[in-house]
PDB file of all heavy atoms in Angstrom:
ATOM      1  N   ASP A   1       6.651 -15.919 -13.939  1.00  0.00           N
ATOM      2  CA  ASP A   1       7.897 -16.496 -13.328  1.00  0.00           C
ATOM      3  C   ASP A   1       8.965 -16.572 -14.334  1.00  0.00           C
ATOM      4  O   ASP A   1      10.170 -16.285 -13.967  1.00  0.00           O
ATOM      5  CB  ASP A   1       7.566 -17.973 -12.830  1.00  0.00           C
ATOM      6  CG  ASP A   1       6.652 -17.843 -11.590  1.00  0.00           C
ATOM      7  OD1 ASP A   1       6.484 -16.856 -11.016  1.00  0.00           O
ATOM      8  OD2 ASP A   1       6.205 -19.026 -11.272  1.00  0.00           O
ATOM      9  N   LYS A   2       8.683 -16.878 -15.555  1.00  0.00           N
ATOM     10  CA  LYS A   2       9.790 -17.143 -16.635  1.00  0.00           C
ATOM     11  C   LYS A   2      10.174 -15.778 -17.245  1.00  0.00           C
ATOM     12  O   LYS A   2      11.366 -15.533 -17.562  1.00  0.00           O
ATOM     13  CB  LYS A   2       9.324 -18.066 -17.693  1.00  0.00           C
ATOM     14  CG  LYS A   2      10.315 -18.426 -18.699  1.00  0.00           C
ATOM     15  CD  LYS A   2       9.821 -19.468 -19.676  1.00  0.00           C
ATOM     16  CE  LYS A   2      10.885 -19.936 -20.640  1.00  0.00           C
ATOM     17  NZ  LYS A   2      10.419 -20.922 -21.580  1.00  0.00           N
ATOM     18  N   HIS A   3       9.226 -14.866 -17.531  1.00  0.00           N
ATOM     19  CA  HIS A   3       9.480 -13.656 -18.379  1.00  0.00           C
ATOM     20  C   HIS A   3       9.276 -12.347 -17.599  1.00  0.00           C
ATOM     21  O   HIS A   3       9.614 -11.257 -18.225  1.00  0.00           O
ATOM     22  CB  HIS A   3       8.639 -13.737 -19.611  1.00  0.00           C
ATOM     23  CG  HIS A   3       8.832 -14.911 -20.368  1.00  0.00           C
ATOM     24  ND1 HIS A   3       9.927 -15.078 -21.201  1.00  0.00           N
ATOM     25  CD2 HIS A   3       7.989 -15.962 -20.628  1.00  0.00           C
ATOM     26  CE1 HIS A   3       9.843 -16.330 -21.893  1.00  0.00           C
ATOM     27  NE2 HIS A   3       8.605 -16.807 -21.557  1.00  0.00           N
ATOM     28  N   GLY A   4       8.694 -12.471 -16.398  1.00  0.00           N
ATOM     29  CA  GLY A   4       8.386 -11.165 -15.622  1.00  0.00           C
ATOM     30  C   GLY A   4       7.029 -10.672 -15.913  1.00  0.00           C
ATOM     31  O   GLY A   4       6.316 -10.985 -16.992  1.00  0.00           O
ATOM     32  N   PRO A   5       6.507  -9.747 -15.076  1.00  0.00           N
ATOM     33  CA  PRO A   5       5.096  -9.211 -15.229  1.00  0.00           C
ATOM     34  C   PRO A   5       4.887  -8.468 -16.550  1.00  0.00           C
ATOM     35  O   PRO A   5       3.748  -8.441 -17.000  1.00  0.00           O
ATOM     36  CB  PRO A   5       4.934  -8.425 -13.997  1.00  0.00           C
ATOM     37  CG  PRO A   5       6.296  -8.137 -13.541  1.00  0.00           C
ATOM     38  CD  PRO A   5       7.137  -9.245 -13.859  1.00  0.00           C
ATOM     39  N   ARG A   6       5.931  -7.878 -17.062  1.00  0.00           N
ATOM     40  CA  ARG A   6       5.760  -7.083 -18.310  1.00  0.00           C
ATOM     41  C   ARG A   6       5.329  -7.994 -19.509  1.00  0.00           C
ATOM     42  O   ARG A   6       4.830  -7.475 -20.489  1.00  0.00           O
ATOM     43  CB  ARG A   6       6.978  -6.352 -18.645  1.00  0.00           C
ATOM     44  CG  ARG A   6       6.879  -5.258 -19.671  1.00  0.00           C
ATOM     45  CD  ARG A   6       8.286  -4.751 -20.161  1.00  0.00           C
ATOM     46  NE  ARG A   6       8.082  -3.551 -20.999  1.00  0.00           N
ATOM     47  CZ  ARG A   6       7.872  -3.632 -22.323  1.00  0.00           C
ATOM     48  NH1 ARG A   6       7.793  -4.740 -22.856  1.00  0.00           N
ATOM     49  NH2 ARG A   6       7.822  -2.498 -22.976  1.00  0.00           N
ATOM     50  N   ALA A   7       5.499  -9.222 -19.293  1.00  0.00           N
ATOM     51  CA  ALA A   7       5.169 -10.176 -20.372  1.00  0.00           C
ATOM     52  C   ALA A   7       3.602 -10.359 -20.436  1.00  0.00           C
ATOM     53  O   ALA A   7       3.112 -11.094 -21.479  1.00  0.00           O
ATOM     54  CB  ALA A   7       5.745 -11.536 -20.217  1.00  0.00           C
ATOM     55  N   VAL A   8       2.842  -9.777 -19.538  1.00  0.00           N
ATOM     56  CA  VAL A   8       1.376  -9.880 -19.578  1.00  0.00           C
ATOM     57  C   VAL A   8       0.868  -8.533 -19.946  1.00  0.00           C
ATOM     58  O   VAL A   8       1.156  -7.492 -19.369  1.00  0.00           O
ATOM     59  CB  VAL A   8       0.870 -10.346 -18.194  1.00  0.00           C
ATOM     60  CG1 VAL A   8      -0.654 -10.338 -18.117  1.00  0.00           C
ATOM     61  CG2 VAL A   8       1.487 -11.648 -17.755  1.00  0.00           C
ATOM     62  N   ALA A   9      -0.075  -8.598 -20.835  1.00  0.00           N
ATOM     63  CA  ALA A   9      -0.712  -7.242 -21.386  1.00  0.00           C
ATOM     64  C   ALA A   9      -2.194  -7.424 -21.427  1.00  0.00           C
ATOM     65  O   ALA A   9      -2.780  -8.552 -21.449  1.00  0.00           O
ATOM     66  CB  ALA A   9      -0.174  -6.929 -22.762  1.00  0.00           C
ATOM     67  N   ILE A  10      -2.869  -6.208 -21.469  1.00  0.00           N
ATOM     68  CA  ILE A  10      -4.356  -6.200 -21.655  1.00  0.00           C
ATOM     69  C   ILE A  10      -4.630  -5.236 -22.716  1.00  0.00           C
ATOM     70  O   ILE A  10      -3.935  -4.229 -22.902  1.00  0.00           O
ATOM     71  CB  ILE A  10      -5.063  -5.697 -20.307  1.00  0.00           C
ATOM     72  CG1 ILE A  10      -5.221  -6.746 -19.392  1.00  0.00           C
ATOM     73  CG2 ILE A  10      -6.317  -4.956 -20.533  1.00  0.00           C
ATOM     74  CD1 ILE A  10      -5.916  -6.486 -18.046  1.00  0.00           C
ATOM     75  N   TYR A  11      -5.590  -5.553 -23.541  1.00  0.00           N
ATOM     76  CA  TYR A  11      -6.202  -4.650 -24.469  1.00  0.00           C
ATOM     77  C   TYR A  11      -7.698  -4.320 -24.095  1.00  0.00           C
ATOM     78  O   TYR A  11      -8.435  -5.333 -24.069  1.00  0.00           O
ATOM     79  CB  TYR A  11      -6.159  -5.096 -25.920  1.00  0.00           C
ATOM     80  CG  TYR A  11      -6.895  -4.156 -26.837  1.00  0.00           C
ATOM     81  CD1 TYR A  11      -6.324  -2.898 -27.210  1.00  0.00           C
ATOM     82  CD2 TYR A  11      -7.993  -4.535 -27.473  1.00  0.00           C
ATOM     83  CE1 TYR A  11      -7.027  -2.015 -27.905  1.00  0.00           C
ATOM     84  CE2 TYR A  11      -8.651  -3.626 -28.298  1.00  0.00           C
ATOM     85  CZ  TYR A  11      -8.195  -2.434 -28.546  1.00  0.00           C
ATOM     86  OH  TYR A  11      -8.934  -1.558 -29.271  1.00  0.00           O
ATOM     87  N   ARG A  12      -7.912  -3.131 -23.894  1.00  0.00           N
ATOM     88  CA  ARG A  12      -9.344  -2.794 -23.409  1.00  0.00           C
ATOM     89  C   ARG A  12      -9.999  -2.032 -24.610  1.00  0.00           C
ATOM     90  O   ARG A  12      -9.624  -1.054 -25.012  1.00  0.00           O
ATOM     91  CB  ARG A  12      -9.229  -1.748 -22.230  1.00  0.00           C
ATOM     92  CG  ARG A  12      -8.560  -2.296 -21.028  1.00  0.00           C
ATOM     93  CD  ARG A  12      -8.409  -1.351 -19.988  1.00  0.00           C
ATOM     94  NE  ARG A  12      -7.301  -0.352 -20.216  1.00  0.00           N
ATOM     95  CZ  ARG A  12      -7.577   0.883 -20.380  1.00  0.00           C
ATOM     96  NH1 ARG A  12      -8.785   1.449 -20.285  1.00  0.00           N
ATOM     97  NH2 ARG A  12      -6.592   1.769 -20.579  1.00  0.00           N
ATOM     98  N   GLY A  13     -11.036  -2.798 -25.227  1.00  0.00           N
ATOM     99  CA  GLY A  13     -11.778  -2.223 -26.361  1.00  0.00           C
ATOM    100  C   GLY A  13     -12.880  -1.420 -25.980  1.00  0.00           C
ATOM    101  O   GLY A  13     -13.238  -1.162 -24.831  1.00  0.00           O
ATOM    102  N   ASN A  14     -13.648  -1.029 -27.018  1.00  0.00           N
ATOM    103  CA  ASN A  14     -14.788  -0.122 -26.844  1.00  0.00           C
ATOM    104  C   ASN A  14     -15.927  -0.954 -26.048  1.00  0.00           C
ATOM    105  O   ASN A  14     -16.710  -0.233 -25.257  1.00  0.00           O
ATOM    106  CB  ASN A  14     -15.411   0.270 -28.186  1.00  0.00           C
ATOM    107  CG  ASN A  14     -14.501   1.248 -28.856  1.00  0.00           C
ATOM    108  OD1 ASN A  14     -14.069   1.075 -29.887  1.00  0.00           O
ATOM    109  ND2 ASN A  14     -14.330   2.476 -28.205  1.00  0.00           N
ATOM    110  N   GLY A  15     -15.921  -2.174 -26.111  1.00  0.00           N
ATOM    111  CA  GLY A  15     -17.038  -2.878 -25.324  1.00  0.00           C
ATOM    112  C   GLY A  15     -16.740  -2.787 -23.906  1.00  0.00           C
ATOM    113  O   GLY A  15     -17.768  -2.848 -23.219  1.00  0.00           O
ATOM    114  N   LEU A  16     -15.537  -2.603 -23.474  1.00  0.00           N
ATOM    115  CA  LEU A  16     -15.241  -2.463 -22.021  1.00  0.00           C
ATOM    116  C   LEU A  16     -15.496  -1.065 -21.634  1.00  0.00           C
ATOM    117  O   LEU A  16     -15.915  -0.718 -20.491  1.00  0.00           O
ATOM    118  CB  LEU A  16     -13.814  -2.895 -21.733  1.00  0.00           C
ATOM    119  CG  LEU A  16     -13.383  -2.879 -20.288  1.00  0.00           C
ATOM    120  CD1 LEU A  16     -14.211  -4.012 -19.603  1.00  0.00           C
ATOM    121  CD2 LEU A  16     -11.993  -3.145 -20.158  1.00  0.00           C
ATOM    122  N   SER A  17     -15.331  -0.102 -22.536  1.00  0.00           N
ATOM    123  CA  SER A  17     -15.345   1.354 -22.151  1.00  0.00           C
ATOM    124  C   SER A  17     -16.782   1.700 -21.791  1.00  0.00           C
ATOM    125  O   SER A  17     -16.870   2.805 -21.162  1.00  0.00           O
ATOM    126  CB  SER A  17     -14.858   2.262 -23.296  1.00  0.00           C
ATOM    127  OG  SER A  17     -15.688   2.118 -24.432  1.00  0.00           O
ATOM    128  N   VAL A  18     -17.796   0.988 -22.168  1.00  0.00           N
ATOM    129  CA  VAL A  18     -19.115   1.316 -21.727  1.00  0.00           C
ATOM    130  C   VAL A  18     -19.709   0.396 -20.745  1.00  0.00           C
ATOM    131  O   VAL A  18     -20.856   0.335 -20.517  1.00  0.00           O
ATOM    132  CB  VAL A  18     -20.095   1.317 -23.094  1.00  0.00           C
ATOM    133  CG1 VAL A  18     -19.699   2.437 -24.009  1.00  0.00           C
ATOM    134  CG2 VAL A  18     -20.030   0.010 -23.742  1.00  0.00           C
ATOM    135  N   SER A  19     -18.769  -0.326 -20.053  1.00  0.00           N
ATOM    136  CA  SER A  19     -19.309  -1.274 -18.973  1.00  0.00           C
ATOM    137  C   SER A  19     -19.260  -0.601 -17.598  1.00  0.00           C
ATOM    138  O   SER A  19     -19.549  -1.256 -16.670  1.00  0.00           O
ATOM    139  CB  SER A  19     -18.413  -2.519 -18.929  1.00  0.00           C
ATOM    140  OG  SER A  19     -17.112  -2.112 -18.300  1.00  0.00           O
ATOM    141  N   SER A  20     -18.995   0.571 -17.559  1.00  0.00           N
ATOM    142  CA  SER A  20     -19.047   1.423 -16.202  1.00  0.00           C
ATOM    143  C   SER A  20     -17.890   1.134 -15.310  1.00  0.00           C
ATOM    144  O   SER A  20     -17.437   2.044 -14.772  1.00  0.00           O
ATOM    145  CB  SER A  20     -20.348   1.189 -15.486  1.00  0.00           C
ATOM    146  OG  SER A  20     -21.513   1.498 -16.266  1.00  0.00           O
ATOM    147  N   ASN A  21     -17.531  -0.088 -15.163  1.00  0.00           N
ATOM    148  CA  ASN A  21     -16.457  -0.326 -14.198  1.00  0.00           C
ATOM    149  C   ASN A  21     -15.222  -1.111 -14.845  1.00  0.00           C
ATOM    150  O   ASN A  21     -14.241  -1.152 -14.229  1.00  0.00           O
ATOM    151  CB  ASN A  21     -16.980  -1.210 -13.093  1.00  0.00           C
ATOM    152  CG  ASN A  21     -17.656  -2.535 -13.517  1.00  0.00           C
ATOM    153  OD1 ASN A  21     -16.948  -3.293 -14.107  1.00  0.00           O
ATOM    154  ND2 ASN A  21     -18.889  -2.643 -13.255  1.00  0.00           N
ATOM    155  N   GLY A  22     -15.430  -1.605 -15.998  1.00  0.00           N
ATOM    156  CA  GLY A  22     -14.444  -2.521 -16.534  1.00  0.00           C
ATOM    157  C   GLY A  22     -13.054  -1.826 -16.690  1.00  0.00           C
ATOM    158  O   GLY A  22     -12.053  -2.519 -16.444  1.00  0.00           O
ATOM    159  N   ASN A  23     -12.978  -0.599 -17.293  1.00  0.00           N
ATOM    160  CA  ASN A  23     -11.766   0.074 -17.598  1.00  0.00           C
ATOM    161  C   ASN A  23     -10.804   0.158 -16.276  1.00  0.00           C
ATOM    162  O   ASN A  23      -9.681  -0.140 -16.247  1.00  0.00           O
ATOM    163  CB  ASN A  23     -11.905   1.351 -18.245  1.00  0.00           C
ATOM    164  CG  ASN A  23     -11.955   1.178 -19.706  1.00  0.00           C
ATOM    165  OD1 ASN A  23     -11.108   0.638 -20.354  1.00  0.00           O
ATOM    166  ND2 ASN A  23     -12.974   1.852 -20.216  1.00  0.00           N
ATOM    167  N   GLN A  24     -11.422   0.659 -15.241  1.00  0.00           N
ATOM    168  CA  GLN A  24     -10.734   0.951 -14.017  1.00  0.00           C
ATOM    169  C   GLN A  24     -10.263  -0.290 -13.406  1.00  0.00           C
ATOM    170  O   GLN A  24      -9.145  -0.460 -12.938  1.00  0.00           O
ATOM    171  CB  GLN A  24     -11.547   1.758 -13.026  1.00  0.00           C
ATOM    172  CG  GLN A  24     -11.663   3.304 -13.456  1.00  0.00           C
ATOM    173  CD  GLN A  24     -12.191   4.124 -12.389  1.00  0.00           C
ATOM    174  OE1 GLN A  24     -11.922   3.913 -11.149  1.00  0.00           O
ATOM    175  NE2 GLN A  24     -12.979   5.160 -12.704  1.00  0.00           N
ATOM    176  N   VAL A  25     -11.127  -1.274 -13.324  1.00  0.00           N
ATOM    177  CA  VAL A  25     -10.753  -2.617 -12.742  1.00  0.00           C
ATOM    178  C   VAL A  25      -9.673  -3.335 -13.500  1.00  0.00           C
ATOM    179  O   VAL A  25      -8.715  -3.866 -12.965  1.00  0.00           O
ATOM    180  CB  VAL A  25     -12.013  -3.526 -12.574  1.00  0.00           C
ATOM    181  CG1 VAL A  25     -11.583  -4.948 -12.130  1.00  0.00           C
ATOM    182  CG2 VAL A  25     -12.994  -2.905 -11.737  1.00  0.00           C
ATOM    183  N   ALA A  26      -9.736  -3.246 -14.839  1.00  0.00           N
ATOM    184  CA  ALA A  26      -8.736  -3.853 -15.631  1.00  0.00           C
ATOM    185  C   ALA A  26      -7.327  -3.221 -15.541  1.00  0.00           C
ATOM    186  O   ALA A  26      -6.301  -3.901 -15.312  1.00  0.00           O
ATOM    187  CB  ALA A  26      -9.125  -3.855 -17.183  1.00  0.00           C
ATOM    188  N   GLN A  27      -7.296  -1.885 -15.448  1.00  0.00           N
ATOM    189  CA  GLN A  27      -6.075  -1.236 -15.234  1.00  0.00           C
ATOM    190  C   GLN A  27      -5.438  -1.448 -13.824  1.00  0.00           C
ATOM    191  O   GLN A  27      -4.331  -1.689 -13.695  1.00  0.00           O
ATOM    192  CB  GLN A  27      -6.317   0.251 -15.445  1.00  0.00           C
ATOM    193  CG  GLN A  27      -6.530   0.797 -16.777  1.00  0.00           C
ATOM    194  CD  GLN A  27      -6.821   2.242 -17.035  1.00  0.00           C
ATOM    195  OE1 GLN A  27      -7.762   2.802 -16.443  1.00  0.00           O
ATOM    196  NE2 GLN A  27      -5.864   2.902 -17.612  1.00  0.00           N
ATOM    197  N   ALA A  28      -6.333  -1.494 -12.896  1.00  0.00           N
ATOM    198  CA  ALA A  28      -5.911  -1.769 -11.482  1.00  0.00           C
ATOM    199  C   ALA A  28      -5.380  -3.363 -11.324  1.00  0.00           C
ATOM    200  O   ALA A  28      -4.508  -3.521 -10.673  1.00  0.00           O
ATOM    201  CB  ALA A  28      -7.111  -1.536 -10.465  1.00  0.00           C
ATOM    202  N   TRP A  29      -6.080  -4.199 -12.052  1.00  0.00           N
ATOM    203  CA  TRP A  29      -5.676  -5.588 -12.073  1.00  0.00           C
ATOM    204  C   TRP A  29      -4.227  -5.682 -12.699  1.00  0.00           C
ATOM    205  O   TRP A  29      -3.350  -6.326 -12.068  1.00  0.00           O
ATOM    206  CB  TRP A  29      -6.595  -6.434 -12.910  1.00  0.00           C
ATOM    207  CG  TRP A  29      -6.105  -7.905 -12.940  1.00  0.00           C
ATOM    208  CD1 TRP A  29      -6.530  -8.869 -12.042  1.00  0.00           C
ATOM    209  CD2 TRP A  29      -5.378  -8.515 -13.916  1.00  0.00           C
ATOM    210  NE1 TRP A  29      -5.892 -10.072 -12.385  1.00  0.00           N
ATOM    211  CE2 TRP A  29      -5.255  -9.857 -13.591  1.00  0.00           C
ATOM    212  CE3 TRP A  29      -4.843  -8.078 -15.136  1.00  0.00           C
ATOM    213  CZ2 TRP A  29      -4.502 -10.829 -14.396  1.00  0.00           C
ATOM    214  CZ3 TRP A  29      -4.015  -8.948 -15.971  1.00  0.00           C
ATOM    215  CH2 TRP A  29      -3.906 -10.265 -15.572  1.00  0.00           C
ATOM    216  N   LEU A  30      -4.005  -4.972 -13.848  1.00  0.00           N
ATOM    217  CA  LEU A  30      -2.692  -5.139 -14.433  1.00  0.00           C
ATOM    218  C   LEU A  30      -1.644  -4.419 -13.549  1.00  0.00           C
ATOM    219  O   LEU A  30      -0.473  -4.958 -13.427  1.00  0.00           O
ATOM    220  CB  LEU A  30      -2.762  -4.330 -15.732  1.00  0.00           C
ATOM    221  CG  LEU A  30      -1.624  -4.732 -16.781  1.00  0.00           C
ATOM    222  CD1 LEU A  30      -1.447  -6.172 -17.207  1.00  0.00           C
ATOM    223  CD2 LEU A  30      -1.688  -3.748 -18.009  1.00  0.00           C
ATOM    224  N   ALA A  31      -1.940  -3.312 -12.929  1.00  0.00           N
ATOM    225  CA  ALA A  31      -1.019  -2.653 -12.060  1.00  0.00           C
ATOM    226  C   ALA A  31      -0.718  -3.695 -10.892  1.00  0.00           C
ATOM    227  O   ALA A  31       0.415  -3.632 -10.312  1.00  0.00           O
ATOM    228  CB  ALA A  31      -1.602  -1.448 -11.497  1.00  0.00           C
ATOM    229  N   GLY A  32      -1.713  -4.426 -10.549  1.00  0.00           N
ATOM    230  CA  GLY A  32      -1.456  -5.285  -9.329  1.00  0.00           C
ATOM    231  C   GLY A  32      -0.466  -6.363  -9.656  1.00  0.00           C
ATOM    232  O   GLY A  32       0.219  -6.879  -8.768  1.00  0.00           O
ATOM    233  N   ILE A  33      -0.348  -6.811 -10.829  1.00  0.00           N
ATOM    234  CA  ILE A  33       0.660  -7.837 -11.162  1.00  0.00           C
ATOM    235  C   ILE A  33       2.010  -7.118 -11.512  1.00  0.00           C
ATOM    236  O   ILE A  33       2.986  -7.859 -11.739  1.00  0.00           O
ATOM    237  CB  ILE A  33       0.201  -8.789 -12.288  1.00  0.00           C
ATOM    238  CG1 ILE A  33       0.086  -7.988 -13.571  1.00  0.00           C
ATOM    239  CG2 ILE A  33      -1.084  -9.336 -11.932  1.00  0.00           C
ATOM    240  CD1 ILE A  33      -0.141  -8.998 -14.767  1.00  0.00           C
ATOM    241  N   GLY A  34       1.975  -5.796 -11.687  1.00  0.00           N
ATOM    242  CA  GLY A  34       3.296  -5.141 -11.848  1.00  0.00           C
ATOM    243  C   GLY A  34       3.628  -4.910 -13.362  1.00  0.00           C
ATOM    244  O   GLY A  34       4.735  -4.705 -13.779  1.00  0.00           O
ATOM    245  N   SER A  35       2.559  -4.962 -14.266  1.00  0.00           N
ATOM    246  CA  SER A  35       2.843  -4.742 -15.632  1.00  0.00           C
ATOM    247  C   SER A  35       2.392  -3.384 -16.074  1.00  0.00           C
ATOM    248  O   SER A  35       1.303  -2.930 -15.685  1.00  0.00           O
ATOM    249  CB  SER A  35       2.144  -5.860 -16.460  1.00  0.00           C
ATOM    250  OG  SER A  35       2.322  -5.513 -17.865  1.00  0.00           O
TER     251      SER A  35
END
């Protein structure tokens, strides 16, 4: 509300890259808030 959706970021590490679903869901979640 104060700074806009770009003020929210995600960092996806190697631990997520081998979780089978984590990367795609994380990217889609971030896209959903408009960042």
